């Protein structure tokens, strides 16, 4: 009998976490959205936590003023609204 295993994965959806207003928290680094060194640190932390898969969307876009809006991933042209 083959033993079943679970593969743990994590998606990077921005530099601030999943909470919509996290970018406004005191001490939030507004540059972390585009800071590849920050993503390396996230990956290292994930590795320590035994995460086996990291996913980064290939369509990140920074088309807003970070002083007033959080960054987001652009919807594709074929995505329904």
C-alpha atoms as a PDB file:
ATOM      1  CA  UNK A   1       0.000   0.000   0.000  1.00  0.00           C
ATOM      2  CA  UNK A   2       1.284   3.474  -0.869  1.00  0.00           C
ATOM      3  CA  UNK A   3       1.373   5.962   1.977  1.00  0.00           C
ATOM      4  CA  UNK A   4      -0.476   9.193   1.308  1.00  0.00           C
ATOM      5  CA  UNK A   5       1.279  12.488   1.847  1.00  0.00           C
ATOM      6  CA  UNK A   6       0.070  16.043   1.966  1.00  0.00           C
ATOM      7  CA  UNK A   7       1.923  18.708  -0.009  1.00  0.00           C
ATOM      8  CA  UNK A   8       1.826  22.118   1.666  1.00  0.00           C
ATOM      9  CA  UNK A   9       1.813  25.193  -0.532  1.00  0.00           C
ATOM     10  CA  UNK A  10       1.653  28.932  -0.093  1.00  0.00           C
ATOM     11  CA  UNK A  11       0.595  31.721  -2.437  1.00  0.00           C
ATOM     12  CA  UNK A  12       2.253  35.115  -2.398  1.00  0.00           C
ATOM     13  CA  UNK A  13      -0.485  37.615  -3.120  1.00  0.00           C
ATOM     14  CA  UNK A  14       1.394  40.738  -2.155  1.00  0.00           C
ATOM     15  CA  UNK A  15       3.956  41.976   0.257  1.00  0.00           C
ATOM     16  CA  UNK A  16       1.617  42.584   3.181  1.00  0.00           C
ATOM     17  CA  UNK A  17      -0.437  39.447   3.758  1.00  0.00           C
ATOM     18  CA  UNK A  18      -4.039  38.603   2.974  1.00  0.00           C
ATOM     19  CA  UNK A  19      -5.743  41.245   5.127  1.00  0.00           C
ATOM     20  CA  UNK A  20      -6.959  44.038   2.820  1.00  0.00           C
ATOM     21  CA  UNK A  21      -5.822  46.840   5.114  1.00  0.00           C
ATOM     22  CA  UNK A  22      -2.504  45.315   6.200  1.00  0.00           C
ATOM     23  CA  UNK A  23      -0.555  47.776   4.070  1.00  0.00           C
ATOM     24  CA  UNK A  24      -1.814  50.577   6.343  1.00  0.00           C
ATOM     25  CA  UNK A  25      -0.635  49.009   9.607  1.00  0.00           C
ATOM     26  CA  UNK A  26       2.025  50.880  11.567  1.00  0.00           C
ATOM     27  CA  UNK A  27       5.438  49.607  10.580  1.00  0.00           C
ATOM     28  CA  UNK A  28       4.274  48.129   7.259  1.00  0.00           C
ATOM     29  CA  UNK A  29       7.010  48.451   4.667  1.00  0.00           C
ATOM     30  CA  UNK A  30       5.355  49.873   1.546  1.00  0.00           C
ATOM     31  CA  UNK A  31       8.300  48.695  -0.530  1.00  0.00           C
ATOM     32  CA  UNK A  32       7.812  45.034   0.424  1.00  0.00           C
ATOM     33  CA  UNK A  33       5.349  44.555  -2.473  1.00  0.00           C
ATOM     34  CA  UNK A  34       8.202  44.850  -4.970  1.00  0.00           C
ATOM     35  CA  UNK A  35      11.178  43.944  -2.765  1.00  0.00           C
ATOM     36  CA  UNK A  36      12.583  40.617  -3.965  1.00  0.00           C
ATOM     37  CA  UNK A  37      14.746  40.334  -0.839  1.00  0.00           C
ATOM     38  CA  UNK A  38      11.504  40.354   1.190  1.00  0.00           C
ATOM     39  CA  UNK A  39      10.137  37.510  -0.948  1.00  0.00           C
ATOM     40  CA  UNK A  40      13.376  35.572  -0.304  1.00  0.00           C
ATOM     41  CA  UNK A  41      12.835  36.024   3.440  1.00  0.00           C
ATOM     42  CA  UNK A  42       9.224  34.813   3.060  1.00  0.00           C
ATOM     43  CA  UNK A  43      10.465  31.779   1.109  1.00  0.00           C
ATOM     44  CA  UNK A  44      13.072  31.012   3.770  1.00  0.00           C
ATOM     45  CA  UNK A  45      10.413  31.193   6.483  1.00  0.00           C
ATOM     46  CA  UNK A  46       8.153  28.926   4.410  1.00  0.00           C
ATOM     47  CA  UNK A  47      10.994  26.448   3.999  1.00  0.00           C
ATOM     48  CA  UNK A  48      11.547  26.375   7.764  1.00  0.00           C
ATOM     49  CA  UNK A  49       7.820  25.633   8.104  1.00  0.00           C
ATOM     50  CA  UNK A  50       8.114  22.694   5.657  1.00  0.00           C
ATOM     51  CA  UNK A  51       6.133  24.447   2.904  1.00  0.00           C
ATOM     52  CA  UNK A  52       6.937  22.580  -0.313  1.00  0.00           C
ATOM     53  CA  UNK A  53       5.411  24.847  -2.936  1.00  0.00           C
ATOM     54  CA  UNK A  54       5.408  28.618  -3.405  1.00  0.00           C
ATOM     55  CA  UNK A  55       3.204  30.329  -5.971  1.00  0.00           C
ATOM     56  CA  UNK A  56       3.623  33.873  -7.240  1.00  0.00           C
ATOM     57  CA  UNK A  57       1.113  35.095  -9.824  1.00  0.00           C
ATOM     58  CA  UNK A  58       2.758  36.137 -13.054  1.00  0.00           C
ATOM     59  CA  UNK A  59       0.613  39.251 -13.415  1.00  0.00           C
ATOM     60  CA  UNK A  60       1.439  41.484 -10.464  1.00  0.00           C
ATOM     61  CA  UNK A  61       0.721  45.104 -11.191  1.00  0.00           C
ATOM     62  CA  UNK A  62       1.373  48.259  -9.275  1.00  0.00           C
ATOM     63  CA  UNK A  63      -0.982  50.770 -10.841  1.00  0.00           C
ATOM     64  CA  UNK A  64      -2.187  52.611  -7.745  1.00  0.00           C
ATOM     65  CA  UNK A  65      -0.759  55.223  -5.409  1.00  0.00           C
ATOM     66  CA  UNK A  66       0.326  53.255  -2.346  1.00  0.00           C
ATOM     67  CA  UNK A  67      -0.336  56.266  -0.129  1.00  0.00           C
ATOM     68  CA  UNK A  68      -4.065  55.803  -0.773  1.00  0.00           C
ATOM     69  CA  UNK A  69      -4.701  52.259  -2.096  1.00  0.00           C
ATOM     70  CA  UNK A  70      -3.394  48.781  -1.478  1.00  0.00           C
ATOM     71  CA  UNK A  71      -1.596  46.962  -4.305  1.00  0.00           C
ATOM     72  CA  UNK A  72      -3.515  44.248  -6.096  1.00  0.00           C
ATOM     73  CA  UNK A  73      -3.195  41.691  -8.857  1.00  0.00           C
ATOM     74  CA  UNK A  74      -4.683  42.785 -12.149  1.00  0.00           C
ATOM     75  CA  UNK A  75      -7.593  40.789 -13.498  1.00  0.00           C
ATOM     76  CA  UNK A  76      -6.929  39.268 -16.893  1.00  0.00           C
ATOM     77  CA  UNK A  77      -8.866  40.598 -19.856  1.00  0.00           C
ATOM     78  CA  UNK A  78     -10.797  37.326 -20.049  1.00  0.00           C
ATOM     79  CA  UNK A  79     -11.832  37.389 -16.392  1.00  0.00           C
ATOM     80  CA  UNK A  80     -15.490  38.017 -15.782  1.00  0.00           C
ATOM     81  CA  UNK A  81     -16.444  41.133 -13.831  1.00  0.00           C
END
